[in-house]
Amino acid sequence: MRTIWLGSKFIQQYNLKDLQEKLQISRVTALKLLGSGKIKAQKIGRQWWVNEEDLIAFLEGKTSSKGSG
């Protein structure tokens, strides 16, 4: 997990391992969720990052479509 300053607020971001631990899912399942766009994420180099608000949206059932945002 890391905290970044984005515009006018701090944003929590989770990497793949954090996502696996929070959702109690396998690496393969986490990668499928990210790759399909069900959880909005950014891939920077070889590392996936998920914003906390995007994770919350997924948990609340508000899935994003790939390429949006």
N, C-alpha and C. Protein backbone atom coordinates (compact mmCIF):
# COMPACT_ATOMS: atom_id res chain seq x y z
N MET A 1 0.85 -1.17 0.00
CA MET A 1 0.00 0.00 0.00
C MET A 1 0.89 1.23 0.00
N ARG A 2 0.43 2.24 -0.71
CA ARG A 2 1.13 3.51 -0.69
C ARG A 2 0.11 4.63 -0.68
N THR A 3 0.56 5.79 -0.24
CA THR A 3 -0.27 6.98 -0.22
C THR A 3 0.37 8.00 -1.15
N ILE A 4 -0.44 8.55 -2.06
CA ILE A 4 0.07 9.55 -2.98
C ILE A 4 -0.78 10.81 -2.89
N TRP A 5 -0.20 11.94 -3.24
CA TRP A 5 -0.92 13.21 -3.30
C TRP A 5 -1.42 13.38 -4.72
N LEU A 6 -2.72 13.51 -4.89
CA LEU A 6 -3.30 13.64 -6.22
C LEU A 6 -4.17 14.89 -6.26
N GLY A 7 -3.66 15.94 -6.85
CA GLY A 7 -4.43 17.18 -6.96
C GLY A 7 -4.61 17.85 -5.62
N SER A 8 -5.75 17.62 -5.00
CA SER A 8 -6.05 18.29 -3.73
C SER A 8 -6.30 17.31 -2.59
N LYS A 9 -5.95 16.04 -2.78
CA LYS A 9 -6.19 15.07 -1.71
C LYS A 9 -5.20 13.92 -1.77
N PHE A 10 -5.09 13.22 -0.65
CA PHE A 10 -4.27 12.03 -0.58
C PHE A 10 -5.08 10.83 -1.03
N ILE A 11 -4.46 9.93 -1.77
CA ILE A 11 -5.11 8.73 -2.28
C ILE A 11 -4.33 7.51 -1.78
N GLN A 12 -5.06 6.53 -1.26
CA GLN A 12 -4.45 5.24 -0.89
C GLN A 12 -4.47 4.35 -2.12
N GLN A 13 -3.36 3.69 -2.40
CA GLN A 13 -3.31 2.75 -3.51
C GLN A 13 -2.81 1.41 -2.99
N TYR A 14 -3.36 0.34 -3.57
CA TYR A 14 -3.00 -1.02 -3.19
C TYR A 14 -2.35 -1.73 -4.36
N ASN A 15 -1.31 -2.51 -4.08
CA ASN A 15 -0.70 -3.31 -5.14
C ASN A 15 -1.37 -4.68 -5.19
N LEU A 16 -0.90 -5.53 -6.06
CA LEU A 16 -1.54 -6.83 -6.27
C LEU A 16 -1.57 -7.67 -4.99
N LYS A 17 -0.46 -7.68 -4.27
CA LYS A 17 -0.40 -8.47 -3.04
C LYS A 17 -1.39 -7.94 -1.99
N ASP A 18 -1.48 -6.62 -1.86
CA ASP A 18 -2.45 -6.02 -0.93
C ASP A 18 -3.88 -6.43 -1.31
N LEU A 19 -4.16 -6.39 -2.61
CA LEU A 19 -5.48 -6.75 -3.11
C LEU A 19 -5.81 -8.21 -2.77
N GLN A 20 -4.84 -9.09 -2.97
CA GLN A 20 -5.04 -10.51 -2.64
C GLN A 20 -5.36 -10.69 -1.17
N GLU A 21 -4.63 -9.99 -0.31
CA GLU A 21 -4.84 -10.11 1.13
C GLU A 21 -6.19 -9.55 1.56
N LYS A 22 -6.55 -8.37 1.03
CA LYS A 22 -7.81 -7.73 1.41
C LYS A 22 -9.02 -8.56 0.97
N LEU A 23 -8.96 -9.12 -0.25
CA LEU A 23 -10.10 -9.86 -0.78
C LEU A 23 -10.00 -11.36 -0.52
N GLN A 24 -8.86 -11.81 0.01
CA GLN A 24 -8.61 -13.23 0.28
C GLN A 24 -8.84 -14.07 -0.98
N ILE A 25 -8.13 -13.66 -2.04
CA ILE A 25 -8.22 -14.35 -3.33
C ILE A 25 -6.82 -14.70 -3.81
N SER A 26 -6.75 -15.59 -4.78
CA SER A 26 -5.46 -15.99 -5.33
C SER A 26 -4.91 -14.91 -6.27
N ARG A 27 -3.64 -15.04 -6.59
CA ARG A 27 -3.00 -14.12 -7.53
C ARG A 27 -3.68 -14.19 -8.89
N VAL A 28 -4.00 -15.40 -9.34
CA VAL A 28 -4.64 -15.59 -10.64
C VAL A 28 -5.99 -14.89 -10.68
N THR A 29 -6.78 -15.05 -9.63
CA THR A 29 -8.10 -14.41 -9.57
C THR A 29 -7.96 -12.89 -9.55
N ALA A 30 -7.01 -12.38 -8.78
CA ALA A 30 -6.79 -10.94 -8.73
C ALA A 30 -6.41 -10.41 -10.11
N LEU A 31 -5.53 -11.10 -10.80
CA LEU A 31 -5.12 -10.68 -12.14
C LEU A 31 -6.29 -10.71 -13.13
N LYS A 32 -7.16 -11.70 -12.98
CA LYS A 32 -8.35 -11.77 -13.85
C LYS A 32 -9.27 -10.58 -13.61
N LEU A 33 -9.47 -10.20 -12.34
CA LEU A 33 -10.33 -9.06 -12.02
C LEU A 33 -9.74 -7.77 -12.57
N LEU A 34 -8.43 -7.61 -12.47
CA LEU A 34 -7.78 -6.41 -12.98
C LEU A 34 -7.77 -6.39 -14.50
N GLY A 35 -7.42 -7.52 -15.11
CA GLY A 35 -7.34 -7.60 -16.57
C GLY A 35 -8.67 -7.42 -17.26
N SER A 36 -9.74 -7.88 -16.61
CA SER A 36 -11.07 -7.77 -17.21
C SER A 36 -11.68 -6.38 -17.00
N GLY A 37 -11.07 -5.59 -16.12
CA GLY A 37 -11.61 -4.27 -15.84
C GLY A 37 -12.67 -4.26 -14.77
N LYS A 38 -12.92 -5.39 -14.13
CA LYS A 38 -13.93 -5.43 -13.05
C LYS A 38 -13.48 -4.59 -11.87
N ILE A 39 -12.17 -4.51 -11.68
CA ILE A 39 -11.59 -3.58 -10.71
C ILE A 39 -10.71 -2.63 -11.51
N LYS A 40 -11.02 -1.35 -11.45
CA LYS A 40 -10.25 -0.36 -12.19
C LYS A 40 -8.86 -0.26 -11.58
N ALA A 41 -7.84 -0.33 -12.41
CA ALA A 41 -6.46 -0.31 -11.92
C ALA A 41 -5.54 0.29 -12.98
N GLN A 42 -4.35 0.67 -12.55
CA GLN A 42 -3.33 1.17 -13.45
C GLN A 42 -2.13 0.23 -13.34
N LYS A 43 -1.54 -0.06 -14.48
CA LYS A 43 -0.32 -0.86 -14.49
C LYS A 43 0.83 0.08 -14.79
N ILE A 44 1.74 0.20 -13.85
CA ILE A 44 2.90 1.07 -13.99
C ILE A 44 4.12 0.15 -14.01
N GLY A 45 4.72 0.04 -15.17
CA GLY A 45 5.81 -0.92 -15.34
C GLY A 45 5.26 -2.32 -15.21
N ARG A 46 5.76 -3.06 -14.25
CA ARG A 46 5.27 -4.42 -14.02
C ARG A 46 4.34 -4.50 -12.81
N GLN A 47 4.01 -3.37 -12.23
CA GLN A 47 3.24 -3.33 -10.98
C GLN A 47 1.83 -2.79 -11.21
N TRP A 48 0.82 -3.51 -10.68
CA TRP A 48 -0.56 -3.05 -10.71
C TRP A 48 -0.83 -2.21 -9.48
N TRP A 49 -1.60 -1.10 -9.64
CA TRP A 49 -2.02 -0.26 -8.53
C TRP A 49 -3.52 0.00 -8.62
N VAL A 50 -4.21 -0.17 -7.49
CA VAL A 50 -5.66 0.04 -7.41
C VAL A 50 -5.92 1.15 -6.41
N ASN A 51 -6.65 2.19 -6.83
CA ASN A 51 -7.03 3.26 -5.91
C ASN A 51 -8.05 2.73 -4.92
N GLU A 52 -7.98 3.22 -3.69
CA GLU A 52 -8.90 2.78 -2.65
C GLU A 52 -10.36 2.99 -3.05
N GLU A 53 -10.66 4.12 -3.68
CA GLU A 53 -12.06 4.38 -4.06
C GLU A 53 -12.54 3.41 -5.15
N ASP A 54 -11.63 2.96 -6.02
CA ASP A 54 -12.01 1.98 -7.03
C ASP A 54 -12.25 0.61 -6.41
N LEU A 55 -11.47 0.27 -5.38
CA LEU A 55 -11.68 -0.99 -4.67
C LEU A 55 -13.02 -0.95 -3.93
N ILE A 56 -13.32 0.17 -3.31
CA ILE A 56 -14.60 0.32 -2.60
C ILE A 56 -15.76 0.21 -3.59
N ALA A 57 -15.61 0.84 -4.75
CA ALA A 57 -16.67 0.76 -5.77
C ALA A 57 -16.90 -0.68 -6.19
N PHE A 58 -15.84 -1.45 -6.38
CA PHE A 58 -15.97 -2.86 -6.73
C PHE A 58 -16.69 -3.63 -5.62
N LEU A 59 -16.30 -3.39 -4.37
CA LEU A 59 -16.92 -4.08 -3.26
C LEU A 59 -18.39 -3.74 -3.09
N GLU A 60 -18.77 -2.54 -3.50
CA GLU A 60 -20.18 -2.12 -3.44
C GLU A 60 -20.96 -2.56 -4.66
N GLY A 61 -20.31 -3.25 -5.58
CA GLY A 61 -20.99 -3.76 -6.75
C GLY A 61 -21.02 -2.82 -7.93
N LYS A 62 -20.27 -1.73 -7.84
CA LYS A 62 -20.23 -0.75 -8.93
C LYS A 62 -18.99 -1.02 -9.76
N THR A 63 -19.03 -2.06 -10.58
CA THR A 63 -17.87 -2.43 -11.39
C THR A 63 -17.66 -1.42 -12.50
N SER A 64 -16.42 -1.23 -12.87
CA SER A 64 -16.09 -0.30 -13.95
C SER A 64 -15.92 -1.07 -15.24
N SER A 65 -16.09 -0.39 -16.36
CA SER A 65 -15.83 -1.03 -17.64
C SER A 65 -14.41 -0.71 -18.06
N LYS A 66 -13.77 -1.64 -18.72
CA LYS A 66 -12.37 -1.48 -19.10
C LYS A 66 -12.21 -0.27 -20.01
N GLY A 67 -11.20 0.54 -19.70
CA GLY A 67 -10.89 1.69 -20.52
C GLY A 67 -11.63 2.96 -20.11
N SER A 68 -12.50 2.89 -19.14
CA SER A 68 -13.21 4.10 -18.72
C SER A 68 -12.41 4.81 -17.66
N GLY A 69 -12.61 6.12 -17.57
CA GLY A 69 -12.01 6.91 -16.52
C GLY A 69 -10.68 7.35 -16.84
